[in-house]
Amino acid sequence: MRDFSWKYFTLTGDVDAFLLYKEMDQLSAAGSAESQAELDAAVEAAEELAP
């Protein structure tokens, strides 16, 4: 969806398509940060359980 909205924006100049692109980009970045935080928490929990 992100790539489509960018392509549509470049072809049409539609501001709404650009705003959708930026929103998708922010959601992707937030999702990456959440995934990294979950991974860090899992690693810490595993380290606590290890002898």
C-alpha atoms as a PDB file:
ATOM      1  CA  MET A   1       0.000   0.000   0.000  1.00  0.00           C
ATOM      2  CA  ARG A   2       2.889   2.328   0.789  1.00  0.00           C
ATOM      3  CA  ASP A   3       4.480   1.815  -2.622  1.00  0.00           C
ATOM      4  CA  PHE A   4       1.151   2.221  -4.383  1.00  0.00           C
ATOM      5  CA  SER A   5       0.377   5.497  -2.636  1.00  0.00           C
ATOM      6  CA  TRP A   6       3.829   6.854  -3.534  1.00  0.00           C
ATOM      7  CA  LYS A   7       3.497   5.811  -7.167  1.00  0.00           C
ATOM      8  CA  TYR A   8       0.015   7.321  -7.348  1.00  0.00           C
ATOM      9  CA  PHE A   9       1.305  10.549  -5.802  1.00  0.00           C
ATOM     10  CA  THR A  10       4.193  10.813  -8.273  1.00  0.00           C
ATOM     11  CA  LEU A  11       1.841  10.253 -11.212  1.00  0.00           C
ATOM     12  CA  THR A  12      -0.974  12.538 -10.091  1.00  0.00           C
ATOM     13  CA  GLY A  13       0.420  14.943  -7.496  1.00  0.00           C
ATOM     14  CA  ASP A  14      -2.546  14.059  -5.282  1.00  0.00           C
ATOM     15  CA  VAL A  15      -1.855  15.403  -1.774  1.00  0.00           C
ATOM     16  CA  ASP A  16      -4.072  12.765  -0.131  1.00  0.00           C
ATOM     17  CA  ALA A  17      -1.937  10.037  -1.693  1.00  0.00           C
ATOM     18  CA  PHE A  18       1.168  11.678  -0.237  1.00  0.00           C
ATOM     19  CA  LEU A  19      -0.446  11.930   3.202  1.00  0.00           C
ATOM     20  CA  LEU A  20      -1.389   8.246   3.006  1.00  0.00           C
ATOM     21  CA  TYR A  21       2.199   7.417   2.058  1.00  0.00           C
ATOM     22  CA  LYS A  22       3.550   9.367   5.050  1.00  0.00           C
ATOM     23  CA  GLU A  23       1.054   7.729   7.418  1.00  0.00           C
ATOM     24  CA  MET A  24       1.994   4.266   6.180  1.00  0.00           C
ATOM     25  CA  ASP A  25       5.671   5.153   6.595  1.00  0.00           C
ATOM     26  CA  GLN A  26       5.108   6.273  10.204  1.00  0.00           C
ATOM     27  CA  LEU A  27       3.103   3.152  11.014  1.00  0.00           C
ATOM     28  CA  SER A  28       5.855   1.005   9.557  1.00  0.00           C
ATOM     29  CA  ALA A  29       8.474   2.756  11.682  1.00  0.00           C
ATOM     30  CA  ALA A  30       6.323   2.428  14.805  1.00  0.00           C
ATOM     31  CA  GLY A  31       5.763  -1.262  14.086  1.00  0.00           C
ATOM     32  CA  SER A  32       9.504  -1.796  13.714  1.00  0.00           C
ATOM     33  CA  ALA A  33      10.159  -0.089  17.043  1.00  0.00           C
ATOM     34  CA  GLU A  34       7.505  -2.203  18.767  1.00  0.00           C
ATOM     35  CA  SER A  35       8.905  -5.378  17.249  1.00  0.00           C
ATOM     36  CA  GLN A  36      12.396  -4.467  18.417  1.00  0.00           C
ATOM     37  CA  ALA A  37      11.134  -3.738  21.938  1.00  0.00           C
ATOM     38  CA  GLU A  38       9.358  -7.107  22.062  1.00  0.00           C
ATOM     39  CA  LEU A  39      12.492  -8.863  20.840  1.00  0.00           C
ATOM     40  CA  ASP A  40      14.627  -7.087  23.456  1.00  0.00           C
ATOM     41  CA  ALA A  41      12.169  -8.085  26.200  1.00  0.00           C
ATOM     42  CA  ALA A  42      12.230 -11.717  25.044  1.00  0.00           C
ATOM     43  CA  VAL A  43      16.035 -11.770  25.040  1.00  0.00           C
ATOM     44  CA  GLU A  44      16.165 -10.294  28.545  1.00  0.00           C
ATOM     45  CA  ALA A  45      13.654 -12.873  29.800  1.00  0.00           C
ATOM     46  CA  ALA A  46      15.663 -15.689  28.244  1.00  0.00           C
ATOM     47  CA  GLU A  47      18.875 -14.386  29.808  1.00  0.00           C
ATOM     48  CA  GLU A  48      17.241 -14.332  33.229  1.00  0.00           C
ATOM     49  CA  LEU A  49      16.204 -17.979  32.854  1.00  0.00           C
ATOM     50  CA  ALA A  50      19.615 -19.137  31.660  1.00  0.00           C
ATOM     51  CA  PRO A  51      21.994 -20.539  34.291  1.00  0.00           C
END
